[in-house]
C-alpha cells in the first residue's frame, strides 16, 4: 500500500520503513542508518501534519 487514508480523511504518504537491524554495522557511522530513518520519520510526520492541517481547513470552509 503506497498511501494511508485515515477514516474519511486525506491520503497520506507511506510511512518510512525502519532499517533492518542487520543494516547497522555498529561501528558508529555518522550518520547511522537509524539516524537517517529518524530524519525520514521527522519529515514524514511534518508532511502528514501539513496535509492534515490543509484538509481540516478545507473541511471547515466546506461546512461553514
N, C-alpha and C. Protein backbone atom coordinates (compact mmCIF):
# COMPACT_ATOMS: atom_id res chain seq x y z
N UNK A 1 0.86 -1.19 0.00
CA UNK A 1 0.00 0.00 0.00
C UNK A 1 0.89 1.24 0.00
N UNK A 2 0.68 2.13 -0.95
CA UNK A 2 1.56 3.29 -1.06
C UNK A 2 1.02 4.51 -0.33
N UNK A 3 -0.24 4.51 0.00
CA UNK A 3 -0.81 5.66 0.70
C UNK A 3 -1.66 5.17 1.86
N UNK A 4 -1.69 5.97 2.91
CA UNK A 4 -2.53 5.67 4.07
C UNK A 4 -3.64 6.69 4.08
N UNK A 5 -4.87 6.24 4.27
CA UNK A 5 -6.01 7.15 4.34
C UNK A 5 -6.73 6.96 5.65
N UNK A 6 -6.65 7.97 6.54
CA UNK A 6 -7.45 7.87 7.77
C UNK A 6 -8.93 7.81 7.41
N UNK A 7 -9.73 7.30 8.31
CA UNK A 7 -11.18 7.23 8.07
C UNK A 7 -11.71 8.59 7.65
N UNK A 8 -12.27 8.64 6.44
CA UNK A 8 -12.85 9.88 5.90
C UNK A 8 -11.86 11.04 5.89
N UNK A 9 -10.58 10.75 5.75
CA UNK A 9 -9.57 11.81 5.75
C UNK A 9 -8.76 11.82 4.47
N UNK A 10 -7.73 12.65 4.45
CA UNK A 10 -6.92 12.78 3.24
C UNK A 10 -5.98 11.59 3.06
N UNK A 11 -5.49 11.43 1.84
CA UNK A 11 -4.50 10.40 1.57
C UNK A 11 -3.15 10.88 2.08
N UNK A 12 -2.48 10.04 2.84
CA UNK A 12 -1.19 10.38 3.41
C UNK A 12 -0.10 9.54 2.74
N UNK A 13 1.12 10.07 2.69
CA UNK A 13 2.21 9.30 2.10
C UNK A 13 2.54 8.08 2.96
N UNK A 14 3.19 7.10 2.36
CA UNK A 14 3.53 5.91 3.15
C UNK A 14 4.55 6.23 4.23
N UNK A 15 4.43 5.56 5.35
CA UNK A 15 5.34 5.73 6.48
C UNK A 15 6.70 5.12 6.10
N UNK A 16 7.79 5.82 6.39
CA UNK A 16 9.12 5.24 6.11
C UNK A 16 9.33 3.95 6.90
N UNK A 17 9.85 2.96 6.24
CA UNK A 17 10.10 1.69 6.89
C UNK A 17 11.44 1.76 7.62
N UNK A 18 11.50 1.25 8.84
CA UNK A 18 12.77 1.27 9.57
C UNK A 18 13.78 0.33 8.91
N UNK A 19 15.04 0.65 9.06
CA UNK A 19 16.05 -0.25 8.50
C UNK A 19 16.05 -1.57 9.26
N UNK A 20 16.46 -2.60 8.59
CA UNK A 20 16.63 -3.89 9.23
C UNK A 20 17.81 -3.78 10.19
N UNK A 21 17.74 -4.38 11.35
CA UNK A 21 18.87 -4.31 12.28
C UNK A 21 20.20 -4.73 11.65
N UNK A 22 20.15 -5.62 10.67
CA UNK A 22 21.39 -6.06 10.02
C UNK A 22 22.01 -4.98 9.15
N UNK A 23 21.26 -3.90 8.86
CA UNK A 23 21.80 -2.80 8.05
C UNK A 23 22.75 -1.91 8.85
N UNK A 24 22.71 -2.00 10.16
CA UNK A 24 23.60 -1.21 11.01
C UNK A 24 24.86 -2.03 11.28
N UNK A 25 26.01 -1.42 11.02
CA UNK A 25 27.27 -2.14 11.19
C UNK A 25 27.84 -2.00 12.60
N UNK A 26 27.18 -1.18 13.44
CA UNK A 26 27.61 -0.96 14.83
C UNK A 26 29.03 -0.43 14.95
N UNK A 27 29.46 0.35 13.95
CA UNK A 27 30.80 0.92 14.03
C UNK A 27 30.76 2.43 14.25
N UNK A 28 29.59 2.94 14.59
CA UNK A 28 29.48 4.37 14.90
C UNK A 28 29.45 5.27 13.68
N UNK A 29 28.93 4.79 12.58
CA UNK A 29 28.85 5.61 11.37
C UNK A 29 28.10 6.90 11.66
N UNK A 30 28.51 7.95 10.97
CA UNK A 30 27.85 9.25 11.12
C UNK A 30 27.49 9.76 9.73
N UNK A 31 26.25 9.65 9.33
CA UNK A 31 25.09 9.22 10.12
C UNK A 31 24.87 7.71 10.02
N UNK A 32 24.27 7.19 11.04
CA UNK A 32 23.88 5.79 11.09
C UNK A 32 22.58 5.61 10.30
N UNK A 33 22.35 4.42 9.78
CA UNK A 33 21.10 4.18 9.04
C UNK A 33 19.88 4.45 9.91
N UNK A 34 20.00 4.26 11.21
CA UNK A 34 18.87 4.53 12.10
C UNK A 34 18.66 6.04 12.28
N UNK A 35 19.72 6.82 12.25
CA UNK A 35 19.57 8.28 12.30
C UNK A 35 18.92 8.79 11.02
N UNK A 36 19.31 8.21 9.89
CA UNK A 36 18.69 8.60 8.62
C UNK A 36 17.20 8.27 8.62
N UNK A 37 16.85 7.11 9.18
CA UNK A 37 15.44 6.74 9.27
C UNK A 37 14.69 7.69 10.19
N UNK A 38 15.29 8.06 11.32
CA UNK A 38 14.65 9.01 12.24
C UNK A 38 14.41 10.35 11.55
N UNK A 39 15.38 10.79 10.75
CA UNK A 39 15.20 12.03 9.99
C UNK A 39 14.04 11.89 9.00
N UNK A 40 13.99 10.74 8.33
CA UNK A 40 12.89 10.49 7.38
C UNK A 40 11.55 10.49 8.11
N UNK A 41 11.50 9.90 9.30
CA UNK A 41 10.27 9.90 10.08
C UNK A 41 9.86 11.32 10.47
N UNK A 42 10.82 12.14 10.87
CA UNK A 42 10.51 13.53 11.21
C UNK A 42 9.92 14.26 10.01
N UNK A 43 10.51 14.07 8.83
CA UNK A 43 9.99 14.72 7.62
C UNK A 43 8.60 14.20 7.27
N UNK A 44 8.41 12.87 7.42
CA UNK A 44 7.12 12.26 7.12
C UNK A 44 6.04 12.81 8.06
N UNK A 45 6.35 12.88 9.35
CA UNK A 45 5.38 13.40 10.31
C UNK A 45 5.01 14.84 10.01
N UNK A 46 6.01 15.66 9.66
CA UNK A 46 5.74 17.06 9.33
C UNK A 46 4.89 17.16 8.07
N UNK A 47 5.18 16.33 7.08
CA UNK A 47 4.40 16.34 5.85
C UNK A 47 2.96 15.93 6.12
N UNK A 48 2.77 14.90 6.93
CA UNK A 48 1.41 14.46 7.28
C UNK A 48 0.66 15.56 8.03
N UNK A 49 1.33 16.23 8.93
CA UNK A 49 0.69 17.32 9.68
C UNK A 49 0.25 18.44 8.73
N UNK A 50 1.09 18.78 7.75
CA UNK A 50 0.70 19.81 6.77
C UNK A 50 -0.51 19.37 5.96
N UNK A 51 -0.50 18.12 5.51
CA UNK A 51 -1.63 17.60 4.73
C UNK A 51 -2.90 17.61 5.58
N UNK A 52 -2.81 17.14 6.81
CA UNK A 52 -3.98 17.11 7.68
C UNK A 52 -4.48 18.52 8.01
N UNK A 53 -3.58 19.45 8.21
CA UNK A 53 -3.98 20.83 8.51
C UNK A 53 -4.74 21.43 7.33
N UNK A 54 -4.23 21.21 6.10
CA UNK A 54 -4.94 21.71 4.91
C UNK A 54 -6.30 21.05 4.76
N UNK A 55 -6.35 19.74 5.02
CA UNK A 55 -7.61 19.01 4.91
C UNK A 55 -8.63 19.55 5.92
N UNK A 56 -8.17 19.74 7.16
CA UNK A 56 -9.08 20.27 8.20
C UNK A 56 -9.59 21.67 7.83
N UNK A 57 -8.70 22.48 7.25
CA UNK A 57 -9.10 23.83 6.86
C UNK A 57 -10.16 23.75 5.77
N UNK A 58 -10.00 22.87 4.81
CA UNK A 58 -11.00 22.71 3.75
C UNK A 58 -12.32 22.21 4.32
N UNK A 59 -12.24 21.29 5.29
CA UNK A 59 -13.46 20.78 5.92
C UNK A 59 -14.22 21.91 6.61
N UNK A 60 -13.47 22.77 7.30
CA UNK A 60 -14.07 23.91 7.99
C UNK A 60 -14.72 24.84 6.99
N UNK A 61 -14.01 25.12 5.87
CA UNK A 61 -14.53 26.02 4.84
C UNK A 61 -15.78 25.45 4.18
N UNK A 62 -15.78 24.13 3.96
CA UNK A 62 -16.92 23.48 3.31
C UNK A 62 -18.15 23.41 4.21
N UNK A 63 -17.92 23.38 5.52
CA UNK A 63 -19.03 23.23 6.46
C UNK A 63 -19.35 24.53 7.20
N UNK A 64 -18.74 25.59 6.74
CA UNK A 64 -19.01 26.91 7.15
C UNK A 64 -19.04 27.40 8.47
